[in-house]
Protein backbone atom coordinates (compact mmCIF):
# COMPACT_ATOMS: atom_id res chain seq x y z
CA MET A 1 35.68 -31.04 61.04
CA THR A 2 32.87 -29.07 59.87
CA LYS A 3 31.27 -32.19 58.69
CA SER A 4 31.55 -33.92 61.88
CA ARG A 5 30.36 -30.86 63.64
CA LYS A 6 27.13 -31.10 61.90
CA LEU A 7 26.67 -35.17 62.07
CA LEU A 8 27.10 -34.39 65.55
CA SER A 9 24.32 -31.76 66.08
CA GLN A 10 22.29 -33.71 63.72
CA ARG A 11 22.37 -36.74 66.22
CA HIS A 12 22.05 -34.82 69.49
CA PRO A 13 19.80 -31.76 68.78
CA TRP A 14 20.26 -30.42 71.99
CA LEU A 15 23.82 -29.45 71.05
CA TYR A 16 22.84 -27.55 67.97
CA PHE A 17 20.38 -25.41 70.37
CA ILE A 18 23.22 -24.82 72.75
CA SER A 19 25.46 -23.74 70.26
CA VAL A 20 22.66 -21.30 68.53
CA TRP A 21 21.70 -19.68 71.82
CA GLU A 22 25.37 -19.22 72.82
CA LYS A 23 25.88 -17.47 69.25
CA ARG A 24 23.10 -15.27 69.95
CA LEU A 25 24.00 -13.90 73.25
CA ARG A 26 27.51 -13.19 71.88
CA ARG A 27 25.50 -10.96 69.19
CA GLN A 28 23.46 -9.41 71.50
CA LEU A 29 26.76 -8.46 73.47
CA SER A 30 28.16 -7.33 70.52
CA TRP A 31 25.23 -5.05 69.68
CA ARG A 32 25.78 -3.47 73.13
CA ILE A 33 29.70 -2.87 72.81
CA ASP A 34 30.84 -2.55 69.21
CA GLY A 35 30.72 0.92 69.00
CA LYS A 36 28.20 1.17 65.73
CA ARG A 37 25.21 3.54 65.78
CA TYR A 38 22.41 1.24 64.50
CA THR A 39 19.57 2.82 62.69
CA GLN A 40 16.01 3.94 64.57
CA GLN A 41 14.37 6.13 62.41
CA LEU A 42 11.33 5.34 60.35
CA GLN A 43 10.09 8.11 58.12
CA ALA A 44 6.83 7.86 56.08
CA GLU A 45 7.92 10.88 53.81
CA LYS A 46 10.13 9.49 51.20
CA LEU A 47 13.57 11.11 50.29
CA PRO A 48 13.61 12.92 47.09
CA PHE A 49 15.87 10.78 44.75
CA ARG A 50 15.71 7.08 43.96
CA VAL A 51 18.80 5.35 43.81
CA LYS A 52 17.33 1.54 42.69
CA LYS A 53 14.01 0.15 42.40
CA HIS A 54 13.65 -3.95 42.34
CA GLN A 55 10.83 -6.22 42.87
CA SER A 56 10.61 -9.96 43.54
CA LYS A 57 7.60 -12.69 42.83
CA LEU A 58 5.86 -13.79 46.04
CA LEU A 59 4.77 -17.11 45.35
CA LYS A 60 7.15 -19.58 43.52
CA LYS A 61 7.06 -23.14 43.05
CA LEU A 62 10.05 -24.66 44.59
CA GLY A 63 10.59 -28.57 44.03
CA GLU A 64 7.77 -30.57 45.81
CA THR A 65 7.53 -28.45 48.91
CA ASP A 66 4.12 -27.42 50.01
CA MET A 67 2.81 -24.16 48.55
CA GLN A 68 1.29 -23.48 51.98
CA LEU A 69 4.72 -22.42 53.15
CA GLN A 70 4.93 -19.92 50.19
CA TYR A 71 1.47 -18.36 51.45
CA ASN A 72 2.66 -18.21 55.13
CA LYS A 73 6.13 -16.47 53.96
CA VAL A 74 3.77 -13.78 52.46
CA ASP A 75 2.48 -13.13 55.57
CA ASN A 76 6.00 -13.39 57.36
CA LEU A 77 7.14 -10.59 54.96
CA LYS A 78 4.19 -8.40 55.95
CA ILE A 79 5.79 -8.37 59.26
CA VAL A 80 9.23 -7.69 58.21
CA VAL A 81 8.06 -4.71 55.96
CA SER A 82 6.36 -2.72 58.84
CA LYS A 83 9.72 -2.98 60.56
CA ILE A 84 11.69 -1.61 57.93
CA ASN A 85 9.87 0.47 55.56
CA GLY A 86 10.93 3.97 55.61
CA MET A 87 14.15 2.99 57.54
CA ILE A 88 16.69 6.17 57.47
CA ILE A 89 20.48 5.44 57.42
CA HIS A 90 22.16 8.39 58.47
CA PRO A 91 25.87 8.96 57.68
CA GLY A 92 27.91 6.87 60.01
CA GLU A 93 25.08 4.75 60.88
CA THR A 94 24.60 0.87 60.37
CA PHE A 95 21.41 -0.89 59.59
CA SER A 96 21.22 -4.35 60.75
CA PHE A 97 18.63 -6.58 59.55
CA CYS A 98 18.09 -8.79 62.65
CA LYS A 99 18.46 -5.87 65.43
CA THR A 100 15.48 -4.10 63.29
CA VAL A 101 13.50 -6.95 62.79
CA GLY A 102 13.88 -9.34 66.04
CA LEU A 103 13.37 -12.88 66.55
CA PRO A 104 10.49 -14.09 64.79
CA THR A 105 8.16 -16.03 66.94
CA ARG A 106 4.76 -17.46 66.62
CA LYS A 107 3.69 -14.82 69.32
CA LYS A 108 4.55 -12.01 66.86
CA GLY A 109 2.42 -13.67 64.33
CA TYR A 110 4.99 -15.57 62.07
CA LYS A 111 4.30 -18.72 60.69
CA GLU A 112 5.84 -21.42 59.50
CA GLY A 113 7.61 -20.88 56.01
CA MET A 114 10.26 -22.81 53.90
CA GLU A 115 14.05 -22.27 55.32
CA LEU A 116 17.02 -24.36 54.65
CA SER A 117 18.21 -26.42 57.59
CA PHE A 118 21.43 -28.48 57.31
CA GLY A 119 21.14 -28.37 53.55
CA LYS A 120 17.73 -29.16 53.27
CA PRO A 121 14.73 -27.15 52.86
CA ARG A 122 12.13 -27.54 55.85
CA ALA A 123 9.27 -25.82 57.46
CA GLY A 124 10.29 -23.14 60.36
CA VAL A 125 8.38 -20.29 61.69
CA GLY A 126 9.58 -17.16 60.29
CA GLY A 127 10.87 -19.14 57.23
CA GLY A 128 10.95 -17.09 53.70
CA ILE A 129 11.68 -13.97 55.30
CA CYS A 130 15.23 -14.21 53.29
CA GLN A 131 13.36 -12.76 50.33
CA SER A 132 13.55 -9.61 52.02
CA THR A 133 17.25 -9.72 52.51
CA ASN A 134 18.01 -10.85 48.94
CA LEU A 135 15.95 -7.85 47.58
CA LEU A 136 17.71 -5.62 50.03
CA HIS A 137 21.13 -6.97 49.08
CA TRP A 138 20.63 -6.45 45.42
CA LEU A 139 19.45 -2.87 46.10
CA ALA A 140 22.44 -1.96 48.29
CA LEU A 141 24.77 -3.35 45.53
CA HIS A 142 23.55 -0.55 43.44
CA SER A 143 24.24 1.89 45.79
CA PRO A 144 27.46 3.31 47.77
CA LEU A 145 26.15 2.04 51.03
CA THR A 146 28.84 -0.57 52.33
CA ILE A 147 27.75 -4.28 52.82
CA THR A 148 29.32 -4.96 55.99
CA GLU A 149 27.82 -8.35 56.63
CA ARG A 150 26.43 -10.55 54.25
CA HIS A 151 26.05 -14.47 54.11
CA HIS A 152 24.75 -16.66 51.43
CA HIS A 153 23.45 -20.12 51.34
CA SER A 154 26.38 -22.43 50.07
CA ILE A 155 24.08 -25.15 48.31
CA ASP A 156 21.76 -24.69 45.14
CA PRO A 157 18.46 -26.50 46.32
CA PHE A 158 16.07 -26.12 43.54
CA PRO A 159 16.83 -25.69 39.69
CA ASP A 160 16.31 -22.27 38.43
CA ASN A 161 12.65 -21.27 37.58
CA GLY A 162 12.30 -17.91 36.08
CA ARG A 163 15.25 -16.67 38.15
CA VAL A 164 16.26 -12.96 37.30
CA LEU A 165 19.07 -12.16 39.48
CA PRO A 166 22.40 -13.70 39.03
CA TRP A 167 22.90 -16.96 41.23
CA ALA A 168 24.27 -16.23 44.74
CA SER A 169 23.23 -12.77 44.68
CA GLY A 170 21.22 -13.12 47.61
CA ALA A 171 21.53 -12.86 51.19
CA ALA A 172 20.78 -15.41 54.08
CA VAL A 173 19.89 -14.64 57.83
CA PHE A 174 19.10 -16.37 60.71
CA TYR A 175 18.40 -14.52 64.00
CA ASN A 176 20.56 -12.95 65.09
CA TYR A 177 24.15 -14.47 64.32
CA ILE A 178 23.62 -14.48 60.67
CA ASP A 179 22.86 -11.08 60.09
CA PHE A 180 22.82 -8.82 56.90
CA GLN A 181 24.18 -5.35 57.84
CA LEU A 182 24.64 -1.86 55.82
CA THR A 183 26.79 0.81 56.82
CA ASN A 184 26.69 4.16 55.60
CA ASP A 185 30.37 5.64 55.16
CA THR A 186 29.09 8.34 52.78
CA SER A 187 27.83 12.15 53.71
CA TRP A 188 24.39 11.16 52.26
CA ALA A 189 21.23 10.16 54.31
CA PHE A 190 19.75 6.82 52.55
CA GLN A 191 16.19 5.43 52.95
CA ILE A 192 15.26 1.79 52.65
CA ASN A 193 11.56 1.32 51.66
CA LEU A 194 9.85 -1.94 51.17
CA TRP A 195 6.00 -2.93 50.29
CA LEU A 196 3.85 -5.70 49.02
CA THR A 197 1.69 -5.79 46.02
CA ASP A 198 -0.69 -9.05 45.23
CA LYS A 199 1.91 -10.60 43.51
CA LEU A 200 5.04 -8.97 44.13
CA LEU A 201 7.53 -7.88 47.13
CA GLU A 202 8.80 -4.32 46.15
CA GLY A 203 11.64 -2.19 47.48
CA GLU A 204 13.92 0.82 46.53
CA ILE A 205 16.88 2.56 48.05
CA ARG A 206 16.54 6.50 48.15
CA VAL A 207 18.99 9.37 48.88
CA ASN A 208 18.51 12.97 50.09
CA GLU A 209 20.59 14.45 47.27
CA GLU A 210 21.01 13.29 43.61
CA LEU A 211 23.90 11.17 42.96
CA ASP A 212 25.59 11.48 39.58
CA PHE A 213 26.97 8.09 39.41
CA ALA A 214 25.41 4.50 39.25
CA TYR A 215 26.05 0.68 39.53
CA HIS A 216 25.58 -1.99 36.95
CA VAL A 217 25.80 -5.46 38.57
CA LYS A 218 26.45 -8.40 36.51
CA GLU A 219 27.37 -12.12 36.29
CA ARG A 220 30.50 -13.57 34.94
CA ASN A 221 31.93 -16.99 34.36
CA HIS A 222 28.89 -19.23 35.43
CA ARG A 223 29.01 -22.55 35.02
CA PHE A 224 27.96 -26.06 36.54
CA ILE A 225 30.74 -28.81 37.27
CA LYS A 226 30.68 -32.50 38.24
CA LYS A 227 33.14 -33.65 40.20
CA GLU A 228 33.30 -37.15 42.25
CA GLY A 229 29.55 -37.69 41.49
CA ALA A 230 28.15 -34.37 42.90
CA TYR A 231 27.57 -31.35 41.22
CA PHE A 232 28.66 -27.61 41.79
CA ARG A 233 27.84 -24.24 40.61
CA THR A 234 30.33 -21.44 40.20
CA ASN A 235 29.96 -17.51 39.36
CA GLU A 236 31.62 -14.24 39.78
CA ILE A 237 29.23 -11.00 40.52
CA TRP A 238 31.18 -7.91 39.17
CA ARG A 239 29.96 -4.16 39.75
CA HIS A 240 30.69 -1.05 37.52
CA LYS A 241 30.41 2.38 38.92
CA ILE A 242 28.92 4.59 35.66
CA ALA A 243 29.17 8.33 35.26
CA LYS A 244 25.41 9.23 34.76
CA PHE A 245 25.83 12.78 33.34
CA ARG A 246 28.86 12.20 31.37
CA SER A 247 27.87 9.83 28.59
CA GLY A 248 27.96 6.64 30.94
CA ALA A 249 31.50 6.73 31.39
CA LEU A 250 33.07 3.65 33.42
CA LEU A 251 34.42 5.03 36.72
CA GLU A 252 35.32 1.95 38.56
CA GLU A 253 35.34 -2.02 37.87
CA GLU A 254 34.93 -3.86 40.98
CA LEU A 255 34.75 -7.98 41.65
CA MET A 256 32.28 -8.48 44.47
CA TYR A 257 32.02 -11.87 44.92
CA LYS A 258 33.28 -15.47 44.04
CA ASN A 259 30.85 -18.05 44.67
CA TYR A 260 30.93 -21.63 44.64
CA GLY A 261 28.16 -23.96 45.96
CA LYS A 262 26.92 -27.56 45.78
CA VAL A 263 23.94 -28.17 43.77
CA MET A 264 21.02 -30.73 45.35
CA TYR A 265 19.90 -31.25 41.52
CA VAL A 266 21.22 -32.64 37.99
CA PRO A 267 21.76 -29.48 36.11
CA LYS A 268 20.80 -29.92 32.49
CA THR A 269 24.45 -29.01 31.48
CA TYR A 270 27.64 -29.19 33.22
CA GLN A 271 31.49 -29.59 32.95
CA GLU A 272 33.19 -32.80 34.08
């Protein structure tokens, strides 16, 4: 049934746009009546303790796609950073990426970057901003914040090229019904900081009191599979909660995700 809907929307694009705007209106209504307290406070002063820091390369060669889309992506990320950097998540609050950043439009300064549509890379206004949610998701996995909404692409369009993080550890967004949300169910206040350097998108999560535990995130059971002439990829993302001041004692082990997706290239090694 899903396949038929996709084919229909590709044959009649107006059906796709009607569906998108219906979902957007539903999300707008949800923001008004869901009872959540959404983050609003941006604070230039950093909270005193760092929970996790990470960074990712800004410019990457992805298959045969136009590098200009990568340069445009950097400009798009600059706008995103200006909306999020310094965001405080107080106890009981929820951070919504889409609500915070808003709809990417040319009028707001967004340019055409690369995005995935119907399983294929293409140019789209605001394309590439998922790099920021990928980073935010990785940071959140290393914090006690609750990941209350997260989506990831069900396909793997390009071979690994200097990949640092496990496959499918990112978070896709598409305004506004494919969102990335974090809820603070703790008694601490957290802060999201994002910034750009010449070559990197960098980010961190900070907290108002030092935590006596930390998280390690690892990939397990990664493999490529060939099935009926197509290729697929699967893995598991596990998280360990470690005591910081008691010789790194394991406090908790948790399976975060079991991922499975179609691969759009021929992997070097695979299982039949």
